[in-house]
Amino acid sequence: MMVEWIAFVQVGVVTILAALVIVGLYGLGVRLQAVAEDEDRNRTLHRVGSWACFVVSGIVVLFGIVLIVPALSKLVGL
C-alpha cells in the first residue's frame, strides 16, 4: 500500500498552523481582557479587541469541527 506522504505532510502542517492560530488568538484575547481590567485608557477598545479574538478563535474551532464531522460537512455543503 502506497502512503501519500505529501497529503500527510499537508495535514500535519495545517494542523500545527491552526493550533497556533487558535491558541495565539485566545491568548491575545486573555491578555487584552487583563489590560482592560488594569488600565483606564482605551478600556472599551481592549474589551472589544479581546472579544473579537475570542469570537474568531471560536469560529476557527467550529469550522474545524464542521470539517471533521461528515454529517455537519454535508449539512453546511462543504
PDB file of N, CA and C in Angstrom:
ATOM      1  N   MET A   1       0.849  -1.180   0.000  1.00  0.00           N
ATOM      2  CA  MET A   1       0.000   0.000   0.000  1.00  0.00           C
ATOM      3  C   MET A   1       0.892   1.240   0.000  1.00  0.00           C
ATOM      4  N   MET A   2       0.610   2.152  -0.890  1.00  0.00           N
ATOM      5  CA  MET A   2       1.410   3.365  -1.038  1.00  0.00           C
ATOM      6  C   MET A   2       0.849   4.476  -0.151  1.00  0.00           C
ATOM      7  N   VAL A   3       1.701   5.044   0.647  1.00  0.00           N
ATOM      8  CA  VAL A   3       1.295   6.132   1.529  1.00  0.00           C
ATOM      9  C   VAL A   3       1.500   7.446   0.794  1.00  0.00           C
ATOM     10  N   GLU A   4       0.508   8.298   0.848  1.00  0.00           N
ATOM     11  CA  GLU A   4       0.625   9.607   0.209  1.00  0.00           C
ATOM     12  C   GLU A   4       1.267  10.573   1.198  1.00  0.00           C
ATOM     13  N   TRP A   5       2.581  10.684   1.119  1.00  0.00           N
ATOM     14  CA  TRP A   5       3.340  11.470   2.090  1.00  0.00           C
ATOM     15  C   TRP A   5       3.065  12.958   1.964  1.00  0.00           C
ATOM     16  N   ILE A   6       2.828  13.440   0.756  1.00  0.00           N
ATOM     17  CA  ILE A   6       2.574  14.878   0.584  1.00  0.00           C
ATOM     18  C   ILE A   6       1.276  15.268   1.283  1.00  0.00           C
ATOM     19  N   ALA A   7       0.242  14.446   1.137  1.00  0.00           N
ATOM     20  CA  ALA A   7      -1.027  14.726   1.817  1.00  0.00           C
ATOM     21  C   ALA A   7      -0.853  14.646   3.331  1.00  0.00           C
ATOM     22  N   PHE A   8      -0.056  13.678   3.789  1.00  0.00           N
ATOM     23  CA  PHE A   8       0.201  13.534   5.216  1.00  0.00           C
ATOM     24  C   PHE A   8       0.911  14.768   5.777  1.00  0.00           C
ATOM     25  N   VAL A   9       1.905  15.266   5.059  1.00  0.00           N
ATOM     26  CA  VAL A   9       2.631  16.462   5.496  1.00  0.00           C
ATOM     27  C   VAL A   9       1.728  17.685   5.462  1.00  0.00           C
ATOM     28  N   GLN A  10       0.871  17.791   4.451  1.00  0.00           N
ATOM     29  CA  GLN A  10      -0.051  18.923   4.369  1.00  0.00           C
ATOM     30  C   GLN A  10      -0.999  18.950   5.561  1.00  0.00           C
ATOM     31  N   VAL A  11      -1.530  17.791   5.913  1.00  0.00           N
ATOM     32  CA  VAL A  11      -2.439  17.724   7.064  1.00  0.00           C
ATOM     33  C   VAL A  11      -1.692  18.096   8.343  1.00  0.00           C
ATOM     34  N   GLY A  12      -0.476  17.622   8.486  1.00  0.00           N
ATOM     35  CA  GLY A  12       0.314  17.956   9.675  1.00  0.00           C
ATOM     36  C   GLY A  12       0.610  19.444   9.777  1.00  0.00           C
ATOM     37  N   VAL A  13       0.990  20.061   8.673  1.00  0.00           N
ATOM     38  CA  VAL A  13       1.318  21.495   8.675  1.00  0.00           C
ATOM     39  C   VAL A  13       0.073  22.329   8.969  1.00  0.00           C
ATOM     40  N   VAL A  14      -1.045  21.985   8.343  1.00  0.00           N
ATOM     41  CA  VAL A  14      -2.285  22.738   8.577  1.00  0.00           C
ATOM     42  C   VAL A  14      -2.740  22.580  10.026  1.00  0.00           C
ATOM     43  N   THR A  15      -2.572  21.392  10.586  1.00  0.00           N
ATOM     44  CA  THR A  15      -2.950  21.164  11.981  1.00  0.00           C
ATOM     45  C   THR A  15      -2.116  22.016  12.922  1.00  0.00           C
ATOM     46  N   ILE A  16      -0.821  22.054  12.701  1.00  0.00           N
ATOM     47  CA  ILE A  16       0.058  22.859  13.559  1.00  0.00           C
ATOM     48  C   ILE A  16      -0.261  24.342  13.423  1.00  0.00           C
ATOM     49  N   LEU A  17      -0.459  24.809  12.201  1.00  0.00           N
ATOM     50  CA  LEU A  17      -0.777  26.228  12.000  1.00  0.00           C
ATOM     51  C   LEU A  17      -2.122  26.600  12.620  1.00  0.00           C
ATOM     52  N   ALA A  18      -3.115  25.734  12.474  1.00  0.00           N
ATOM     53  CA  ALA A  18      -4.424  26.014  13.065  1.00  0.00           C
ATOM     54  C   ALA A  18      -4.334  26.063  14.587  1.00  0.00           C
ATOM     55  N   ALA A  19      -3.567  25.145  15.164  1.00  0.00           N
ATOM     56  CA  ALA A  19      -3.400  25.154  16.626  1.00  0.00           C
ATOM     57  C   ALA A  19      -2.712  26.434  17.082  1.00  0.00           C
ATOM     58  N   LEU A  20      -1.698  26.866  16.344  1.00  0.00           N
ATOM     59  CA  LEU A  20      -1.005  28.114  16.699  1.00  0.00           C
ATOM     60  C   LEU A  20      -1.941  29.321  16.602  1.00  0.00           C
ATOM     61  N   VAL A  21      -2.773  29.356  15.574  1.00  0.00           N
ATOM     62  CA  VAL A  21      -3.708  30.476  15.403  1.00  0.00           C
ATOM     63  C   VAL A  21      -4.729  30.499  16.532  1.00  0.00           C
ATOM     64  N   ILE A  22      -5.295  29.328  16.847  1.00  0.00           N
ATOM     65  CA  ILE A  22      -6.321  29.270  17.891  1.00  0.00           C
ATOM     66  C   ILE A  22      -5.748  29.672  19.242  1.00  0.00           C
ATOM     67  N   VAL A  23      -4.629  29.080  19.606  1.00  0.00           N
ATOM     68  CA  VAL A  23      -4.022  29.384  20.904  1.00  0.00           C
ATOM     69  C   VAL A  23      -3.530  30.824  20.956  1.00  0.00           C
ATOM     70  N   GLY A  24      -2.966  31.307  19.851  1.00  0.00           N
ATOM     71  CA  GLY A  24      -2.486  32.685  19.807  1.00  0.00           C
ATOM     72  C   GLY A  24      -3.602  33.702  19.952  1.00  0.00           C
ATOM     73  N   LEU A  25      -4.692  33.489  19.231  1.00  0.00           N
ATOM     74  CA  LEU A  25      -5.830  34.409  19.333  1.00  0.00           C
ATOM     75  C   LEU A  25      -6.461  34.381  20.720  1.00  0.00           C
ATOM     76  N   TYR A  26      -6.610  33.177  21.275  1.00  0.00           N
ATOM     77  CA  TYR A  26      -7.200  33.082  22.604  1.00  0.00           C
ATOM     78  C   TYR A  26      -6.292  33.733  23.650  1.00  0.00           C
ATOM     79  N   GLY A  27      -4.992  33.502  23.532  1.00  0.00           N
ATOM     80  CA  GLY A  27      -4.043  34.131  24.462  1.00  0.00           C
ATOM     81  C   GLY A  27      -4.046  35.647  24.344  1.00  0.00           C
ATOM     82  N   LEU A  28      -4.130  36.144  23.114  1.00  0.00           N
ATOM     83  CA  LEU A  28      -4.211  37.591  22.915  1.00  0.00           C
ATOM     84  C   LEU A  28      -5.495  38.151  23.508  1.00  0.00           C
ATOM     85  N   GLY A  29      -6.585  37.395  23.371  1.00  0.00           N
ATOM     86  CA  GLY A  29      -7.848  37.830  23.972  1.00  0.00           C
ATOM     87  C   GLY A  29      -7.771  37.900  25.482  1.00  0.00           C
ATOM     88  N   VAL A  30      -7.125  36.905  26.086  1.00  0.00           N
ATOM     89  CA  VAL A  30      -6.956  36.919  27.545  1.00  0.00           C
ATOM     90  C   VAL A  30      -6.094  38.105  27.961  1.00  0.00           C
ATOM     91  N   ARG A  31      -5.025  38.363  27.220  1.00  0.00           N
ATOM     92  CA  ARG A  31      -4.137  39.492  27.549  1.00  0.00           C
ATOM     93  C   ARG A  31      -4.875  40.829  27.423  1.00  0.00           C
ATOM     94  N   LEU A  32      -5.639  40.993  26.362  1.00  0.00           N
ATOM     95  CA  LEU A  32      -6.385  42.240  26.190  1.00  0.00           C
ATOM     96  C   LEU A  32      -7.438  42.412  27.281  1.00  0.00           C
ATOM     97  N   GLN A  33      -8.043  41.316  27.703  1.00  0.00           N
ATOM     98  CA  GLN A  33      -9.022  41.389  28.787  1.00  0.00           C
ATOM     99  C   GLN A  33      -8.348  41.822  30.086  1.00  0.00           C
ATOM    100  N   ALA A  34      -7.147  41.291  30.343  1.00  0.00           N
ATOM    101  CA  ALA A  34      -6.422  41.670  31.554  1.00  0.00           C
ATOM    102  C   ALA A  34      -6.007  43.136  31.511  1.00  0.00           C
ATOM    103  N   VAL A  35      -5.584  43.605  30.342  1.00  0.00           N
ATOM    104  CA  VAL A  35      -5.201  45.012  30.208  1.00  0.00           C
ATOM    105  C   VAL A  35      -6.414  45.907  30.394  1.00  0.00           C
ATOM    106  N   ALA A  36      -7.560  45.475  29.903  1.00  0.00           N
ATOM    107  CA  ALA A  36      -8.789  46.267  30.065  1.00  0.00           C
ATOM    108  C   ALA A  36      -9.171  46.384  31.533  1.00  0.00           C
ATOM    109  N   GLU A  37      -8.865  45.376  32.330  1.00  0.00           N
ATOM    110  CA  GLU A  37      -9.160  45.430  33.762  1.00  0.00           C
ATOM    111  C   GLU A  37      -8.207  46.365  34.503  1.00  0.00           C
ATOM    112  N   ASP A  38      -6.967  46.478  34.040  1.00  0.00           N
ATOM    113  CA  ASP A  38      -5.943  47.246  34.754  1.00  0.00           C
ATOM    114  C   ASP A  38      -5.940  48.721  34.413  1.00  0.00           C
ATOM    115  N   GLU A  39      -6.105  49.061  33.154  1.00  0.00           N
ATOM    116  CA  GLU A  39      -5.934  50.446  32.720  1.00  0.00           C
ATOM    117  C   GLU A  39      -7.275  51.158  32.581  1.00  0.00           C
ATOM    118  N   ASP A  40      -7.227  52.488  32.694  1.00  0.00           N
ATOM    119  CA  ASP A  40      -8.418  53.290  32.471  1.00  0.00           C
ATOM    120  C   ASP A  40      -8.507  53.763  31.016  1.00  0.00           C
ATOM    121  N   ARG A  41      -7.349  53.875  30.364  1.00  0.00           N
ATOM    122  CA  ARG A  41      -7.352  54.343  28.981  1.00  0.00           C
ATOM    123  C   ARG A  41      -7.711  53.200  28.030  1.00  0.00           C
ATOM    124  N   ASN A  42      -8.481  53.503  27.020  1.00  0.00           N
ATOM    125  CA  ASN A  42      -8.862  52.557  25.971  1.00  0.00           C
ATOM    126  C   ASN A  42      -9.480  51.279  26.521  1.00  0.00           C
ATOM    127  N   ARG A  43     -10.199  51.398  27.609  1.00  0.00           N
ATOM    128  CA  ARG A  43     -10.820  50.215  28.218  1.00  0.00           C
ATOM    129  C   ARG A  43     -11.790  49.546  27.240  1.00  0.00           C
ATOM    130  N   THR A  44     -12.595  50.335  26.569  1.00  0.00           N
ATOM    131  CA  THR A  44     -13.564  49.793  25.616  1.00  0.00           C
ATOM    132  C   THR A  44     -12.862  49.141  24.435  1.00  0.00           C
ATOM    133  N   LEU A  45     -11.817  49.770  23.941  1.00  0.00           N
ATOM    134  CA  LEU A  45     -11.068  49.227  22.808  1.00  0.00           C
ATOM    135  C   LEU A  45     -10.448  47.875  23.160  1.00  0.00           C
ATOM    136  N   HIS A  46      -9.906  47.758  24.355  1.00  0.00           N
ATOM    137  CA  HIS A  46      -9.306  46.492  24.775  1.00  0.00           C
ATOM    138  C   HIS A  46     -10.371  45.403  24.939  1.00  0.00           C
ATOM    139  N   ARG A  47     -11.500  45.769  25.479  1.00  0.00           N
ATOM    140  CA  ARG A  47     -12.576  44.771  25.646  1.00  0.00           C
ATOM    141  C   ARG A  47     -13.110  44.301  24.299  1.00  0.00           C
ATOM    142  N   VAL A  48     -13.319  45.219  23.375  1.00  0.00           N
ATOM    143  CA  VAL A  48     -13.800  44.846  22.046  1.00  0.00           C
ATOM    144  C   VAL A  48     -12.766  43.971  21.341  1.00  0.00           C
ATOM    145  N   GLY A  49     -11.495  44.327  21.465  1.00  0.00           N
ATOM    146  CA  GLY A  49     -10.438  43.518  20.868  1.00  0.00           C
ATOM    147  C   GLY A  49     -10.366  42.122  21.459  1.00  0.00           C
ATOM    148  N   SER A  50     -10.543  42.030  22.777  1.00  0.00           N
ATOM    149  CA  SER A  50     -10.480  40.717  23.420  1.00  0.00           C
ATOM    150  C   SER A  50     -11.642  39.843  22.971  1.00  0.00           C
ATOM    151  N   TRP A  51     -12.845  40.414  22.915  1.00  0.00           N
ATOM    152  CA  TRP A  51     -13.987  39.619  22.479  1.00  0.00           C
ATOM    153  C   TRP A  51     -13.895  39.261  21.007  1.00  0.00           C
ATOM    154  N   ALA A  52     -13.300  40.132  20.201  1.00  0.00           N
ATOM    155  CA  ALA A  52     -13.094  39.798  18.787  1.00  0.00           C
ATOM    156  C   ALA A  52     -12.142  38.609  18.654  1.00  0.00           C
ATOM    157  N   CYS A  53     -11.092  38.585  19.461  1.00  0.00           N
ATOM    158  CA  CYS A  53     -10.166  37.447  19.445  1.00  0.00           C
ATOM    159  C   CYS A  53     -10.864  36.164  19.877  1.00  0.00           C
ATOM    160  N   PHE A  54     -11.704  36.237  20.911  1.00  0.00           N
ATOM    161  CA  PHE A  54     -12.433  35.056  21.372  1.00  0.00           C
ATOM    162  C   PHE A  54     -13.389  34.553  20.291  1.00  0.00           C
ATOM    163  N   VAL A  55     -14.082  35.463  19.623  1.00  0.00           N
ATOM    164  CA  VAL A  55     -15.046  35.079  18.600  1.00  0.00           C
ATOM    165  C   VAL A  55     -14.338  34.437  17.406  1.00  0.00           C
ATOM    166  N   VAL A  56     -13.252  35.029  16.967  1.00  0.00           N
ATOM    167  CA  VAL A  56     -12.530  34.478  15.816  1.00  0.00           C
ATOM    168  C   VAL A  56     -11.955  33.104  16.143  1.00  0.00           C
ATOM    169  N   SER A  57     -11.395  32.944  17.340  1.00  0.00           N
ATOM    170  CA  SER A  57     -10.855  31.627  17.707  1.00  0.00           C
ATOM    171  C   SER A  57     -11.984  30.598  17.806  1.00  0.00           C
ATOM    172  N   GLY A  58     -13.134  30.994  18.288  1.00  0.00           N
ATOM    173  CA  GLY A  58     -14.279  30.093  18.336  1.00  0.00           C
ATOM    174  C   GLY A  58     -14.763  29.704  16.953  1.00  0.00           C
ATOM    175  N   ILE A  59     -14.764  30.652  16.031  1.00  0.00           N
ATOM    176  CA  ILE A  59     -15.180  30.355  14.658  1.00  0.00           C
ATOM    177  C   ILE A  59     -14.214  29.366  14.009  1.00  0.00           C
ATOM    178  N   VAL A  60     -12.925  29.537  14.255  1.00  0.00           N
ATOM    179  CA  VAL A  60     -11.934  28.607  13.703  1.00  0.00           C
ATOM    180  C   VAL A  60     -12.152  27.207  14.269  1.00  0.00           C
ATOM    181  N   VAL A  61     -12.436  27.108  15.562  1.00  0.00           N
ATOM    182  CA  VAL A  61     -12.702  25.798  16.179  1.00  0.00           C
ATOM    183  C   VAL A  61     -13.961  25.173  15.578  1.00  0.00           C
ATOM    184  N   LEU A  62     -15.016  25.949  15.451  1.00  0.00           N
ATOM    185  CA  LEU A  62     -16.256  25.420  14.869  1.00  0.00           C
ATOM    186  C   LEU A  62     -16.062  24.981  13.426  1.00  0.00           C
ATOM    187  N   PHE A  63     -15.290  25.723  12.664  1.00  0.00           N
ATOM    188  CA  PHE A  63     -15.008  25.342  11.283  1.00  0.00           C
ATOM    189  C   PHE A  63     -14.237  24.023  11.238  1.00  0.00           C
ATOM    190  N   GLY A  64     -13.289  23.843  12.152  1.00  0.00           N
ATOM    191  CA  GLY A  64     -12.563  22.577  12.227  1.00  0.00           C
ATOM    192  C   GLY A  64     -13.478  21.419  12.566  1.00  0.00           C
ATOM    193  N   ILE A  65     -14.418  21.631  13.462  1.00  0.00           N
ATOM    194  CA  ILE A  65     -15.377  20.577  13.818  1.00  0.00           C
ATOM    195  C   ILE A  65     -16.260  20.244  12.622  1.00  0.00           C
ATOM    196  N   VAL A  66     -16.685  21.253  11.892  1.00  0.00           N
ATOM    197  CA  VAL A  66     -17.510  21.016  10.705  1.00  0.00           C
ATOM    198  C   VAL A  66     -16.737  20.207   9.667  1.00  0.00           C
ATOM    199  N   LEU A  67     -15.446  20.483   9.522  1.00  0.00           N
ATOM    200  CA  LEU A  67     -14.642  19.729   8.566  1.00  0.00           C
ATOM    201  C   LEU A  67     -14.429  18.283   9.006  1.00  0.00           C
ATOM    202  N   ILE A  68     -14.365  18.038  10.301  1.00  0.00           N
ATOM    203  CA  ILE A  68     -14.099  16.688  10.803  1.00  0.00           C
ATOM    204  C   ILE A  68     -15.339  15.817  10.786  1.00  0.00           C
ATOM    205  N   VAL A  69     -16.488  16.360  11.165  1.00  0.00           N
ATOM    206  CA  VAL A  69     -17.726  15.576  11.282  1.00  0.00           C
ATOM    207  C   VAL A  69     -18.420  15.538   9.908  1.00  0.00           C
ATOM    208  N   PRO A  70     -18.508  14.353   9.306  1.00  0.00           N
ATOM    209  CA  PRO A  70     -19.084  14.272   7.947  1.00  0.00           C
ATOM    210  C   PRO A  70     -20.525  14.765   7.857  1.00  0.00           C
ATOM    211  N   ALA A  71     -21.346  14.486   8.864  1.00  0.00           N
ATOM    212  CA  ALA A  71     -22.741  14.923   8.810  1.00  0.00           C
ATOM    213  C   ALA A  71     -22.850  16.449   8.798  1.00  0.00           C
ATOM    214  N   LEU A  72     -22.002  17.116   9.553  1.00  0.00           N
ATOM    215  CA  LEU A  72     -22.013  18.580   9.566  1.00  0.00           C
ATOM    216  C   LEU A  72     -21.495  19.143   8.248  1.00  0.00           C
ATOM    217  N   SER A  73     -20.493  18.487   7.663  1.00  0.00           N
ATOM    218  CA  SER A  73     -19.971  18.943   6.381  1.00  0.00           C
ATOM    219  C   SER A  73     -21.035  18.890   5.300  1.00  0.00           C
ATOM    220  N   LYS A  74     -21.826  17.815   5.303  1.00  0.00           N
ATOM    221  CA  LYS A  74     -22.903  17.694   4.328  1.00  0.00           C
ATOM    222  C   LYS A  74     -24.000  18.709   4.591  1.00  0.00           C
ATOM    223  N   LEU A  75     -24.265  18.976   5.869  1.00  0.00           N
ATOM    224  CA  LEU A  75     -25.307  19.933   6.239  1.00  0.00           C
ATOM    225  C   LEU A  75     -24.948  21.334   5.778  1.00  0.00           C
ATOM    226  N   VAL A  76     -23.676  21.695   5.924  1.00  0.00           N
ATOM    227  CA  VAL A  76     -23.217  23.030   5.533  1.00  0.00           C
ATOM    228  C   VAL A  76     -22.994  23.110   4.033  1.00  0.00           C
ATOM    229  N   GLY A  77     -22.691  21.978   3.407  1.00  0.00           N
ATOM    230  CA  GLY A  77     -22.481  21.961   1.966  1.00  0.00           C
ATOM    231  C   GLY A  77     -21.024  22.028   1.573  1.00  0.00           C
ATOM    232  N   LEU A  78     -20.140  21.532   2.421  1.00  0.00           N
ATOM    233  CA  LEU A  78     -18.711  21.520   2.091  1.00  0.00           C
ATOM    234  C   LEU A  78     -18.299  20.232   1.437  1.00  0.00           C
TER     235      LEU A  78
END
